[in-house]
Amino acid sequence: MEPVQETIVAGTATKEERTYSMLMHLSQFLGLLIPFAGFIAPLVMWLIKKDESSYIDAQGKVVMNWVISALIWGIICFILTFVLIGAFLFIALGICHIVFTIMGAIRANDGVVQNYPLTIKFFRV
């Protein structure tokens, strides 16, 4: 696994872009209340603003990479429940999801684009 990469772009992101990006990261938590909202909300937020700001575009790619990766890890955990280890991995994945999302939101608000650990890169940042 490669180390976490980060690109500092604090000087180029406005306060509004940083706040929007932070909310895009935090919108993943909507999935705890409404099924699939944790995927749909950040996707819609990214698609609306990606052409207006390269910073928001980069943050959106980071978020979508993680959401898709977490879905794949969740499917693997589900399959592994049949050999009894999946339940523990589901708990670990849930903790990672909460921690990584909060870390991403904080870094986005600081003006830093940071890939989440354990992320499969579907979109290049």
Protein backbone atom coordinates (compact mmCIF):
# COMPACT_ATOMS: atom_id res chain seq x y z
CA MET A 1 0.00 0.00 0.00
CA GLU A 2 1.38 3.39 -0.91
CA PRO A 3 1.64 6.14 1.71
CA VAL A 4 -1.08 8.75 2.06
CA GLN A 5 -0.43 11.48 -0.48
CA GLU A 6 -1.45 15.04 0.08
CA THR A 7 -1.28 18.09 -2.09
CA ILE A 8 -1.37 21.41 -0.30
CA VAL A 9 -3.40 23.99 -2.19
CA ALA A 10 -4.35 26.29 0.68
CA GLY A 11 -3.29 29.42 -1.17
CA THR A 12 -5.55 28.71 -4.13
CA ALA A 13 -8.79 27.70 -2.40
CA THR A 14 -11.22 30.36 -1.22
CA LYS A 15 -13.03 30.09 2.11
CA GLU A 16 -16.25 29.20 0.26
CA GLU A 17 -14.51 26.41 -1.67
CA ARG A 18 -13.00 25.01 1.51
CA THR A 19 -16.34 25.11 3.33
CA TYR A 20 -18.17 23.49 0.40
CA SER A 21 -15.51 20.77 0.22
CA MET A 22 -15.76 20.13 3.94
CA LEU A 23 -19.53 19.75 3.64
CA MET A 24 -19.05 17.42 0.68
CA HIS A 25 -16.91 15.15 2.87
CA LEU A 26 -19.39 15.32 5.77
CA SER A 27 -22.37 14.64 3.48
CA GLN A 28 -21.29 10.99 3.50
CA PHE A 29 -22.87 10.75 6.96
CA LEU A 30 -26.31 11.25 5.39
CA GLY A 31 -26.08 7.58 4.48
CA LEU A 32 -26.59 6.80 8.17
CA LEU A 33 -30.05 8.37 7.97
CA ILE A 34 -31.20 7.73 4.41
CA PRO A 35 -30.11 4.72 2.34
CA PHE A 36 -27.71 5.64 -0.49
CA ALA A 37 -27.67 9.33 0.52
CA GLY A 38 -24.05 8.94 1.62
CA PHE A 39 -23.22 8.18 -2.02
CA ILE A 40 -25.71 10.42 -3.81
CA ALA A 41 -25.20 13.64 -1.80
CA PRO A 42 -21.42 13.98 -2.32
CA LEU A 43 -21.80 12.88 -5.95
CA VAL A 44 -24.40 15.58 -6.66
CA MET A 45 -22.40 18.21 -4.77
CA TRP A 46 -19.28 17.32 -6.77
CA LEU A 47 -21.06 17.29 -10.14
CA ILE A 48 -22.65 20.69 -9.49
CA LYS A 49 -19.39 22.51 -8.70
CA LYS A 50 -16.58 20.48 -10.31
CA ASP A 51 -16.35 22.72 -13.37
CA GLU A 52 -16.27 25.91 -11.28
CA SER A 53 -13.30 25.04 -9.06
CA SER A 54 -10.32 22.75 -9.48
CA TYR A 55 -10.12 22.51 -5.67
CA ILE A 56 -13.71 21.28 -5.35
CA ASP A 57 -13.12 18.93 -8.30
CA ALA A 58 -10.09 17.40 -6.55
CA GLN A 59 -11.96 17.07 -3.24
CA GLY A 60 -14.93 15.48 -5.02
CA LYS A 61 -12.66 12.90 -6.64
CA VAL A 62 -11.16 12.08 -3.24
CA VAL A 63 -14.61 11.64 -1.70
CA MET A 64 -15.97 9.53 -4.56
CA ASN A 65 -12.84 7.35 -4.57
CA TRP A 66 -13.42 6.64 -0.89
CA VAL A 67 -17.19 6.06 -1.20
CA ILE A 68 -16.72 3.55 -4.01
CA SER A 69 -13.79 1.91 -2.20
CA ALA A 70 -15.79 1.62 1.04
CA LEU A 71 -18.62 -0.01 -0.91
CA ILE A 72 -16.20 -2.57 -2.34
CA TRP A 73 -14.64 -3.19 1.11
CA GLY A 74 -18.18 -3.60 2.49
CA ILE A 75 -19.03 -6.23 -0.11
CA ILE A 76 -15.83 -8.09 0.76
CA CYS A 77 -16.72 -7.91 4.46
CA PHE A 78 -20.20 -9.26 3.69
CA ILE A 79 -18.73 -12.21 1.81
CA LEU A 80 -16.33 -12.86 4.69
CA THR A 81 -19.19 -13.01 7.21
CA PHE A 82 -19.69 -16.59 6.05
CA VAL A 83 -16.29 -17.47 7.52
CA LEU A 84 -17.03 -15.44 10.68
CA ILE A 85 -14.35 -12.77 10.25
CA GLY A 86 -16.55 -10.41 8.23
CA ALA A 87 -18.46 -9.08 11.24
CA PHE A 88 -15.25 -7.84 12.84
CA LEU A 89 -14.12 -6.35 9.55
CA PHE A 90 -17.50 -4.57 9.18
CA ILE A 91 -16.93 -2.92 12.55
CA ALA A 92 -13.40 -1.92 11.56
CA LEU A 93 -14.67 -0.56 8.23
CA GLY A 94 -17.34 1.49 10.02
CA ILE A 95 -14.76 2.99 12.36
CA CYS A 96 -12.44 3.74 9.42
CA HIS A 97 -15.30 5.37 7.52
CA ILE A 98 -16.12 7.70 10.40
CA VAL A 99 -12.48 8.58 11.15
CA PHE A 100 -11.42 9.02 7.51
CA THR A 101 -14.45 11.17 6.71
CA ILE A 102 -13.83 13.49 9.65
CA MET A 103 -10.11 13.69 8.82
CA GLY A 104 -10.93 14.48 5.18
CA ALA A 105 -13.40 17.20 6.19
CA ILE A 106 -10.89 18.84 8.52
CA ARG A 107 -8.13 18.72 5.89
CA ALA A 108 -10.50 20.08 3.22
CA ASN A 109 -11.40 23.00 5.46
CA ASP A 110 -7.66 23.61 5.96
CA GLY A 111 -7.22 23.81 2.18
CA VAL A 112 -5.48 20.44 1.78
CA VAL A 113 -6.46 17.70 -0.66
CA GLN A 114 -5.66 14.39 1.04
CA ASN A 115 -6.46 10.90 -0.20
CA TYR A 116 -8.10 8.65 2.37
CA PRO A 117 -6.06 5.60 3.41
CA LEU A 118 -7.21 2.24 1.95
CA THR A 119 -8.69 4.02 -1.07
CA ILE A 120 -8.72 2.53 -4.53
CA LYS A 121 -8.03 5.33 -7.01
CA PHE A 122 -10.83 5.33 -9.58
CA PHE A 123 -10.48 9.07 -10.31
CA ARG A 124 -7.06 10.73 -10.59
CA VAL A 125 -6.63 13.67 -8.24
